[in-house]
Amino acid sequence: MNRITNIAIVGLGQVGVYLYNELRLKKKEIEKKTGKKIRVVAISAKNINKKRQFPINKKIFYKNPIKIFSNEKIDILFECVGLSDGISKKIVEIALKKKINVITPNKALIAKHGDSLSKLAEKNKVNLEFEASVAGGIPILRTIKEGLATNKINKVYGILNGTTNYILSEMENSQEPFKKVLTKAQKLGYAEPGNPKLDLNGFDAFAKVRILSALAFNSRISKKKCLMEGIQNIELKDIKIANQLNLRIKLLGISQIIDDKLFETVHPCLVSKNTYIGNVNGVMNAVIIEGKPVGNSVLQGEGAGPGPTSSSLLSDLLSILRGNIKYPFGIAFKNRKSIKPFNNDMYSNSLYIRFEVKDKQGVLSYITNRLSKYKISVKRIIQTPDRKSRSATIVVITHKTTEINVKNCLSIFKKNKNIFKSPTLIRLYN
């Protein structure tokens, strides 16, 4: 007789309730593939009566998830609450200390506390699995930990947020402005209906970059302040101008080793329409790994939504049921090193800078003179006057320059009365 594996799910939002239903439907399939029977013995959320996509068994419902540990014998805990601290951190810590395996899609928790939690998992000889925390249904973490385990990786980058990729793609396809497309994304369930800020400002993608860095470079999770920008300042005007230049705007997450130092960033990039990454559209994610001897590896798939996320959660479950106790970050905590951060001021790119100005003589020469003063050389200028409003849009494409030059230069333009607002800056991906 097979031993039954008892499972608890804490958090019954979109992902948690979808996962609960998948476990119910796929019991026999899981047993066939692992030889283990599973049983969900406890579920927990704030509200038992909330309307959910799938029905739940109210007999196993706990309003207080802490009580599950004293009332039930748990083998595996799914944490699907999604907070970086609070109850998410508390229940994961309790579970690991009680020698309970933990599976979570919570990238905020892992990016902030992954080091201490992995140490706790190793100490208690249980698994802490978080495949679903990065790129939804794409098995990127397992690929790095197992498939590419003997490769020396020097760079991981890509589109890590399905919400922002959908918005940018849809703005181009529909020719509708940012706010209208965001509303559409919220109705379709691609963006949070209440506050989608963490997707839009780049934080969601950046948490994923930190997890990827730790795995790819066998390092501790970086705590240094890094370059992080979102898409909230991108306008339809920028999409149209990019199109004229045979470019597309993509929010890229980048992690690489430069001169033995760790460089991590998330920001919008202009990429050529002729490149692979320039043609990853909609809610798709894509991750590119550069390493030796493998060369370039590309993984693409849906990065958002309860379906792809549950796929990764079940992959982690099967891994545990097969009896594998693994280091959460691929190697032992004591062997993971801290890497010195690369100086962000030295990061260099060609730039797209859009100015909204009064259409009067001398404004363009003022802009080019200022740029020249800060060692930013102009490659191309696109000027579009609007005679009705006596204004003009000036787009400057520059040669490569450093972040420190840009920072110092752009602050000057805020003080000029002929320039209506802070310039919009988008880096060209080299």
Protein backbone atom coordinates (compact mmCIF):
# COMPACT_ATOMS: atom_id res chain seq x y z
CA MET A 1 0.00 0.00 0.00
CA ASN A 2 1.40 3.37 -1.03
CA ARG A 3 1.97 5.93 1.68
CA ILE A 4 -0.38 8.87 1.30
CA THR A 5 1.27 12.29 1.00
CA ASN A 6 -0.70 14.97 2.87
CA ILE A 7 -0.82 18.40 1.27
CA ALA A 8 -1.86 21.84 2.56
CA ILE A 9 -2.50 24.91 0.40
CA VAL A 10 -2.33 28.35 1.98
CA GLY A 11 -3.68 31.13 -0.24
CA LEU A 12 -6.70 30.55 -2.50
CA GLY A 13 -6.38 33.38 -4.98
CA GLN A 14 -6.30 32.73 -8.73
CA VAL A 15 -3.23 30.49 -8.50
CA GLY A 16 -4.07 28.69 -5.25
CA VAL A 17 -7.59 27.70 -6.24
CA TYR A 18 -6.48 26.63 -9.74
CA LEU A 19 -3.75 24.48 -8.18
CA TYR A 20 -6.28 22.97 -5.72
CA ASN A 21 -8.50 21.96 -8.65
CA GLU A 22 -5.56 20.52 -10.61
CA LEU A 23 -4.52 18.36 -7.64
CA ARG A 24 -8.09 17.07 -7.38
CA LEU A 25 -8.29 16.23 -11.11
CA LYS A 26 -4.80 14.76 -11.51
CA LYS A 27 -4.53 12.46 -8.46
CA LYS A 28 -4.37 9.29 -10.57
CA GLU A 29 -1.91 10.77 -13.07
CA ILE A 30 0.39 11.89 -10.24
CA GLU A 31 0.21 8.43 -8.63
CA LYS A 32 1.01 6.77 -11.97
CA LYS A 33 4.09 8.96 -12.46
CA THR A 34 5.45 8.87 -8.90
CA GLY A 35 3.95 5.81 -7.21
CA LYS A 36 2.62 8.12 -4.48
CA LYS A 37 -0.96 8.92 -3.51
CA ILE A 38 -1.73 12.53 -2.61
CA ARG A 39 -4.44 14.02 -0.44
CA VAL A 40 -5.20 17.68 0.19
CA VAL A 41 -5.98 17.73 3.93
CA ALA A 42 -6.03 21.51 4.59
CA ILE A 43 -6.67 24.74 2.71
CA SER A 44 -6.55 28.27 4.03
CA ALA A 45 -7.51 31.78 2.99
CA LYS A 46 -8.96 34.92 4.57
CA ASN A 47 -12.53 34.34 3.40
CA ILE A 48 -14.26 30.95 3.23
CA ASN A 49 -17.26 32.37 1.30
CA LYS A 50 -15.39 34.31 -1.39
CA LYS A 51 -16.61 33.51 -4.91
CA ARG A 52 -13.91 31.37 -6.54
CA GLN A 53 -13.32 29.91 -10.00
CA PHE A 54 -13.51 26.33 -8.64
CA PRO A 55 -15.42 24.89 -5.65
CA ILE A 56 -13.49 24.21 -2.43
CA ASN A 57 -14.03 21.67 0.34
CA LYS A 58 -15.13 23.82 3.28
CA LYS A 59 -14.66 20.90 5.71
CA ILE A 60 -10.85 21.23 5.40
CA PHE A 61 -10.82 25.07 5.44
CA TYR A 62 -8.75 26.99 7.99
CA LYS A 63 -9.06 30.73 8.41
CA ASN A 64 -5.85 30.73 10.49
CA PRO A 65 -3.15 28.80 8.56
CA ILE A 66 -0.95 28.44 11.67
CA LYS A 67 -3.53 26.03 13.15
CA ILE A 68 -2.95 23.60 10.28
CA PHE A 69 0.42 22.62 11.75
CA SER A 70 -1.01 21.52 15.10
CA ASN A 71 -4.19 19.93 13.71
CA GLU A 72 -2.90 18.05 10.64
CA LYS A 73 0.03 15.85 9.66
CA ILE A 74 1.47 17.70 6.64
CA ASP A 75 4.14 16.44 4.24
CA ILE A 76 4.05 19.24 1.66
CA LEU A 77 2.93 22.88 2.02
CA PHE A 78 2.04 25.09 -0.96
CA GLU A 79 2.43 28.79 -0.05
CA CYS A 80 0.35 30.81 -2.54
CA VAL A 81 -0.33 33.98 -0.52
CA GLY A 82 2.32 36.02 -2.34
CA LEU A 83 3.64 38.43 0.32
CA SER A 84 7.35 39.09 0.77
CA ASP A 85 6.93 39.05 4.57
CA GLY A 86 4.06 38.59 7.03
CA ILE A 87 2.09 35.36 6.94
CA SER A 88 3.91 34.10 3.81
CA LYS A 89 7.31 34.15 5.51
CA LYS A 90 5.93 32.90 8.83
CA ILE A 91 4.23 29.77 7.50
CA VAL A 92 7.18 28.84 5.26
CA GLU A 93 9.57 29.13 8.23
CA ILE A 94 7.29 27.06 10.49
CA ALA A 95 6.91 24.38 7.80
CA LEU A 96 10.65 24.08 7.14
CA LYS A 97 11.42 23.89 10.88
CA LYS A 98 8.84 21.11 11.19
CA LYS A 99 10.57 19.22 8.34
CA ILE A 100 7.73 19.88 5.88
CA ASN A 101 8.60 20.36 2.20
CA VAL A 102 7.57 23.76 0.81
CA ILE A 103 6.57 24.73 -2.74
CA THR A 104 5.86 28.37 -3.62
CA PRO A 105 5.36 30.61 -6.66
CA ASN A 106 6.20 33.63 -4.47
CA LYS A 107 9.04 35.52 -6.17
CA ALA A 108 8.87 38.43 -3.69
CA LEU A 109 9.47 36.07 -0.75
CA ILE A 110 12.33 34.18 -2.44
CA ALA A 111 14.03 37.34 -3.76
CA LYS A 112 13.99 38.86 -0.27
CA HIS A 113 14.41 35.85 2.06
CA GLY A 114 15.58 33.03 -0.23
CA ASP A 115 19.00 32.78 1.40
CA SER A 116 17.76 32.33 4.97
CA LEU A 117 14.92 30.02 3.88
CA SER A 118 17.23 27.83 1.78
CA LYS A 119 19.61 27.55 4.74
CA LEU A 120 16.67 26.44 6.91
CA ALA A 121 15.55 23.86 4.31
CA GLU A 122 19.08 22.42 4.07
CA LYS A 123 19.41 22.24 7.86
CA ASN A 124 16.15 20.28 8.15
CA LYS A 125 16.79 18.12 5.06
CA VAL A 126 13.61 19.12 3.23
CA ASN A 127 12.91 20.77 -0.12
CA LEU A 128 12.17 24.41 -0.78
CA GLU A 129 10.98 24.56 -4.40
CA PHE A 130 10.11 27.75 -6.29
CA GLU A 131 10.15 26.95 -10.02
CA ALA A 132 6.89 28.89 -10.51
CA SER A 133 8.39 32.10 -9.09
CA VAL A 134 10.15 32.93 -12.39
CA ALA A 135 8.57 32.93 -15.89
CA GLY A 136 5.37 31.03 -15.03
CA GLY A 137 5.24 27.75 -16.91
CA ILE A 138 8.79 27.90 -18.34
CA PRO A 139 11.07 25.43 -16.49
CA ILE A 140 13.91 27.96 -16.37
CA LEU A 141 15.12 27.34 -12.80
CA ARG A 142 15.26 23.56 -13.21
CA THR A 143 17.07 24.05 -16.54
CA ILE A 144 19.77 26.11 -14.81
CA LYS A 145 19.97 23.85 -11.71
CA GLU A 146 19.96 20.54 -13.55
CA GLY A 147 20.06 20.71 -17.35
CA LEU A 148 22.90 23.25 -17.47
CA ALA A 149 24.47 22.34 -14.11
CA THR A 150 28.03 21.95 -15.44
CA ASN A 151 27.99 25.07 -17.65
CA LYS A 152 29.67 28.34 -16.74
CA ILE A 153 26.89 30.88 -17.23
CA ASN A 154 27.87 34.51 -17.79
CA LYS A 155 24.54 36.09 -18.71
CA VAL A 156 20.79 35.52 -18.33
CA TYR A 157 18.32 37.97 -19.81
CA GLY A 158 14.89 38.22 -21.34
CA ILE A 159 11.25 39.18 -21.03
CA LEU A 160 10.22 38.17 -17.52
CA ASN A 161 6.84 39.86 -17.10
CA GLY A 162 3.84 38.82 -19.19
CA THR A 163 1.71 41.81 -18.13
CA THR A 164 4.09 44.47 -19.44
CA ASN A 165 4.85 42.48 -22.58
CA TYR A 166 1.13 42.22 -23.32
CA ILE A 167 0.63 45.98 -22.77
CA LEU A 168 3.52 46.98 -25.05
CA SER A 169 2.47 44.49 -27.76
CA GLU A 170 -1.18 45.55 -27.58
CA MET A 171 -0.32 49.27 -27.76
CA GLU A 172 1.50 48.55 -31.02
CA ASN A 173 -1.26 46.31 -32.44
CA SER A 174 -4.28 48.39 -31.43
CA GLN A 175 -2.65 51.85 -31.58
CA GLU A 176 -4.42 52.60 -28.28
CA PRO A 177 -2.84 54.56 -25.41
CA PHE A 178 -1.26 53.02 -22.30
CA LYS A 179 -4.20 53.56 -19.90
CA LYS A 180 -6.75 52.03 -22.26
CA VAL A 181 -4.59 48.96 -22.88
CA LEU A 182 -3.91 48.58 -19.13
CA THR A 183 -7.68 48.48 -18.51
CA LYS A 184 -7.97 45.79 -21.19
CA ALA A 185 -5.17 43.79 -19.53
CA GLN A 186 -6.98 44.04 -16.17
CA LYS A 187 -10.25 42.78 -17.70
CA LEU A 188 -8.43 39.82 -19.26
CA GLY A 189 -6.79 38.95 -15.93
CA TYR A 190 -3.23 39.74 -17.14
CA ALA A 191 -2.87 42.69 -14.75
CA GLU A 192 -3.98 43.06 -11.13
CA PRO A 193 -7.44 44.71 -11.08
CA GLY A 194 -6.66 46.81 -7.99
CA ASN A 195 -3.02 47.85 -8.04
CA PRO A 196 -0.85 46.62 -10.95
CA LYS A 197 2.05 48.83 -9.82
CA LEU A 198 4.52 45.98 -9.10
CA ASP A 199 4.22 44.73 -12.68
CA LEU A 200 4.35 48.17 -14.30
CA ASN A 201 7.26 49.64 -12.29
CA GLY A 202 9.57 46.69 -13.00
CA PHE A 203 9.63 45.28 -9.44
CA ASP A 204 8.08 41.93 -10.40
CA ALA A 205 10.66 41.36 -13.15
CA PHE A 206 13.46 42.55 -10.88
CA ALA A 207 12.61 40.03 -8.13
CA LYS A 208 12.91 37.33 -10.82
CA VAL A 209 16.28 38.72 -11.98
CA ARG A 210 17.64 38.38 -8.43
CA ILE A 211 16.53 34.74 -8.24
CA LEU A 212 18.02 33.98 -11.68
CA SER A 213 21.33 35.61 -10.67
CA ALA A 214 21.64 33.48 -7.53
CA LEU A 215 21.05 30.29 -9.51
CA ALA A 216 23.07 31.14 -12.63
CA PHE A 217 26.15 32.38 -10.76
CA ASN A 218 25.97 30.16 -7.63
CA SER A 219 25.78 33.30 -5.53
CA ARG A 220 23.92 34.73 -2.57
CA ILE A 221 20.93 36.89 -3.44
CA SER A 222 22.13 40.42 -4.12
CA LYS A 223 20.84 43.19 -1.83
CA LYS A 224 22.46 46.12 -3.64
CA LYS A 225 20.39 48.94 -5.12
CA CYS A 226 20.17 48.45 -8.87
CA LEU A 227 18.82 50.10 -11.96
CA MET A 228 15.07 49.41 -12.11
CA GLU A 229 12.59 51.16 -14.40
CA GLY A 230 9.13 50.17 -15.57
CA ILE A 231 6.91 50.99 -18.54
CA GLN A 232 4.57 53.52 -16.92
CA ASN A 233 6.16 56.44 -18.81
CA ILE A 234 6.00 54.78 -22.25
CA GLU A 235 3.47 56.52 -24.50
CA LEU A 236 1.85 55.47 -27.78
CA LYS A 237 4.03 58.14 -29.40
CA ASP A 238 7.15 56.14 -28.39
CA ILE A 239 5.68 52.93 -29.84
CA LYS A 240 4.98 54.69 -33.16
CA ILE A 241 8.43 56.27 -33.40
CA ALA A 242 10.08 52.94 -32.54
CA ASN A 243 8.06 51.35 -35.35
CA GLN A 244 9.43 53.92 -37.84
CA LEU A 245 12.95 52.92 -36.76
CA ASN A 246 12.16 49.17 -37.22
CA LEU A 247 12.39 48.75 -33.43
CA ARG A 248 10.10 47.52 -30.65
CA ILE A 249 10.01 48.41 -26.97
CA LYS A 250 10.43 45.49 -24.56
CA LEU A 251 10.88 45.43 -20.79
CA LEU A 252 14.03 43.36 -20.32
CA GLY A 253 15.51 41.85 -17.18
CA ILE A 254 19.28 41.42 -17.44
CA SER A 255 21.76 39.68 -15.16
CA GLN A 256 25.38 39.25 -16.15
CA ILE A 257 28.93 39.11 -14.91
CA ILE A 258 31.02 42.08 -16.09
CA ASP A 259 34.70 42.12 -15.03
CA ASP A 260 33.93 39.56 -12.29
CA LYS A 261 31.20 41.82 -10.89
CA LEU A 262 27.44 41.27 -10.83
CA PHE A 263 25.27 43.54 -12.96
CA GLU A 264 21.48 43.31 -12.59
CA THR A 265 18.90 45.57 -14.16
CA VAL A 266 15.32 45.85 -15.41
CA HIS A 267 14.36 48.59 -17.85
CA PRO A 268 12.56 49.18 -21.16
CA CYS A 269 14.77 48.55 -24.18
CA LEU A 270 14.47 49.31 -27.87
CA VAL A 271 15.22 46.09 -29.72
CA SER A 272 15.35 45.38 -33.44
CA LYS A 273 12.30 43.76 -35.04
CA ASN A 274 14.77 41.41 -36.74
CA THR A 275 15.89 39.85 -33.44
CA TYR A 276 14.38 36.87 -31.61
CA ILE A 277 13.57 38.88 -28.48
CA GLY A 278 11.90 41.59 -30.61
CA ASN A 279 9.31 39.05 -31.75
CA VAL A 280 8.25 37.65 -28.38
CA ASN A 281 4.82 39.26 -28.04
CA GLY A 282 1.64 39.14 -25.94
CA VAL A 283 1.84 37.50 -22.50
CA MET A 284 4.82 35.41 -23.58
CA ASN A 285 8.03 35.32 -21.57
CA ALA A 286 11.40 34.38 -23.01
CA VAL A 287 14.69 33.73 -21.22
CA ILE A 288 18.07 33.53 -22.95
CA ILE A 289 21.02 31.93 -21.17
CA GLU A 290 24.58 32.48 -22.39
CA GLY A 291 27.09 29.93 -21.13
CA LYS A 292 30.01 27.66 -21.89
CA PRO A 293 30.15 25.13 -23.46
CA VAL A 294 26.40 25.22 -24.26
CA GLY A 295 26.38 28.60 -26.09
CA ASN A 296 22.95 30.27 -26.16
CA SER A 297 19.88 28.48 -24.78
CA VAL A 298 16.41 29.96 -25.29
CA LEU A 299 13.25 29.09 -23.35
CA GLN A 300 9.91 30.64 -24.23
CA GLY A 301 6.37 30.21 -22.94
CA GLU A 302 3.47 31.82 -21.12
CA GLY A 303 4.74 33.65 -18.08
CA ALA A 304 1.47 34.80 -16.53
CA GLY A 305 -1.74 33.23 -15.31
CA PRO A 306 -2.82 30.39 -13.02
CA GLY A 307 -2.47 27.67 -15.70
CA PRO A 308 1.26 28.08 -16.48
CA THR A 309 2.03 28.77 -12.79
CA SER A 310 0.22 25.61 -11.66
CA SER A 311 2.15 23.63 -14.28
CA SER A 312 5.42 24.63 -12.57
CA LEU A 313 4.00 24.02 -9.08
CA LEU A 314 3.01 20.47 -10.07
CA SER A 315 6.46 19.93 -11.59
CA ASP A 316 7.96 20.77 -8.17
CA LEU A 317 5.47 18.45 -6.48
CA LEU A 318 6.44 15.51 -8.70
CA SER A 319 10.12 16.19 -8.06
CA ILE A 320 9.53 15.94 -4.28
CA LEU A 321 7.28 12.88 -4.57
CA ARG A 322 10.03 11.07 -6.45
CA GLY A 323 12.16 11.41 -3.36
CA ASN A 324 14.70 14.01 -4.45
CA ILE A 325 16.06 16.22 -1.66
CA LYS A 326 17.94 18.97 -3.45
CA TYR A 327 19.71 22.19 -2.56
CA PRO A 328 17.15 24.98 -3.22
CA PHE A 329 19.68 27.04 -5.21
CA GLY A 330 21.50 24.13 -6.83
CA ILE A 331 24.51 24.03 -4.47
CA ALA A 332 24.93 24.11 -0.69
CA PHE A 333 24.32 27.45 1.02
CA LYS A 334 27.90 27.49 2.44
CA ASN A 335 29.32 27.26 -1.11
CA ARG A 336 27.29 30.16 -2.48
CA LYS A 337 29.39 33.31 -2.60
CA SER A 338 28.59 37.02 -2.57
CA ILE A 339 29.62 38.78 -5.78
CA LYS A 340 30.68 42.42 -5.75
CA PRO A 341 28.23 44.65 -7.64
CA PHE A 342 29.13 46.31 -10.93
CA ASN A 343 29.08 50.12 -10.79
CA ASN A 344 25.78 51.05 -12.48
CA ASP A 345 27.12 54.49 -13.38
CA MET A 346 29.45 52.78 -15.86
CA TYR A 347 26.66 50.90 -17.65
CA SER A 348 26.64 52.14 -21.25
CA ASN A 349 24.06 52.16 -24.03
CA SER A 350 22.90 54.12 -27.02
CA LEU A 351 19.81 56.07 -26.03
CA TYR A 352 16.43 57.19 -27.33
CA ILE A 353 15.53 60.51 -25.64
CA ARG A 354 12.16 62.13 -26.39
CA PHE A 355 11.61 65.82 -25.60
CA GLU A 356 8.27 67.66 -25.67
CA VAL A 357 9.11 71.32 -26.31
CA LYS A 358 7.86 74.74 -27.41
CA ASP A 359 8.22 75.01 -31.17
CA LYS A 360 10.56 77.99 -31.23
CA GLN A 361 13.99 78.82 -32.54
CA GLY A 362 16.97 77.80 -30.45
CA VAL A 363 15.38 74.91 -28.50
CA LEU A 364 16.97 72.15 -30.59
CA SER A 365 20.42 73.75 -30.47
CA TYR A 366 20.06 74.15 -26.66
CA ILE A 367 19.32 70.40 -26.36
CA THR A 368 22.22 69.30 -28.58
CA ASN A 369 24.65 71.67 -26.81
CA ARG A 370 23.65 70.29 -23.40
CA LEU A 371 24.06 66.71 -24.62
CA SER A 372 27.47 67.53 -26.06
CA LYS A 373 28.59 69.12 -22.77
CA TYR A 374 27.94 65.80 -21.00
CA LYS A 375 29.76 63.74 -23.65
CA ILE A 376 26.57 62.44 -25.25
CA SER A 377 27.02 62.48 -29.01
CA VAL A 378 24.01 62.62 -31.32
CA LYS A 379 23.53 59.95 -33.98
CA ARG A 380 20.09 60.93 -35.30
CA ILE A 381 17.36 63.53 -34.69
CA ILE A 382 13.65 63.18 -35.49
CA GLN A 383 11.66 66.42 -35.16
CA THR A 384 7.84 66.47 -35.43
CA PRO A 385 6.17 69.90 -35.09
CA ASP A 386 2.53 70.37 -33.99
CA ARG A 387 1.57 73.74 -35.42
CA LYS A 388 -1.83 73.84 -33.68
CA SER A 389 -0.32 73.78 -30.20
CA ARG A 390 2.97 75.46 -31.23
CA SER A 391 4.84 72.55 -29.76
CA ALA A 392 7.15 69.89 -31.13
CA THR A 393 8.37 66.39 -30.35
CA ILE A 394 12.13 65.99 -30.66
CA VAL A 395 13.63 62.50 -30.52
CA VAL A 396 17.38 62.16 -30.20
CA ILE A 397 19.14 58.84 -30.84
CA THR A 398 22.61 58.93 -29.32
CA HIS A 399 25.83 56.98 -29.64
CA LYS A 400 26.86 54.90 -26.62
CA THR A 401 27.22 56.77 -23.35
CA THR A 402 27.33 55.95 -19.63
CA GLU A 403 24.52 56.15 -17.05
CA ILE A 404 26.35 58.82 -15.04
CA ASN A 405 26.49 61.12 -18.09
CA VAL A 406 22.79 60.63 -18.71
CA LYS A 407 21.83 61.20 -15.07
CA ASN A 408 23.76 64.46 -14.85
CA CYS A 409 22.58 65.71 -18.23
CA LEU A 410 18.84 64.99 -17.97
CA SER A 411 18.50 66.75 -14.62
CA ILE A 412 19.46 70.01 -16.39
CA PHE A 413 16.49 69.82 -18.79
CA LYS A 414 13.96 69.84 -15.94
CA LYS A 415 14.82 73.48 -15.30
CA ASN A 416 14.18 74.78 -18.83
CA LYS A 417 10.83 76.52 -19.41
CA ASN A 418 10.82 75.60 -23.12
CA ILE A 419 10.84 71.87 -22.26
CA PHE A 420 7.40 70.81 -21.02
CA LYS A 421 8.30 67.77 -18.92
CA SER A 422 11.12 65.42 -18.05
CA PRO A 423 12.42 63.74 -21.21
CA THR A 424 11.43 60.11 -21.86
CA LEU A 425 14.51 57.89 -21.92
CA ILE A 426 14.66 54.39 -23.43
CA ARG A 427 17.92 52.48 -23.79
CA LEU A 428 18.78 50.67 -27.02
CA TYR A 429 19.64 47.06 -26.29
CA ASN A 430 23.11 46.43 -27.66
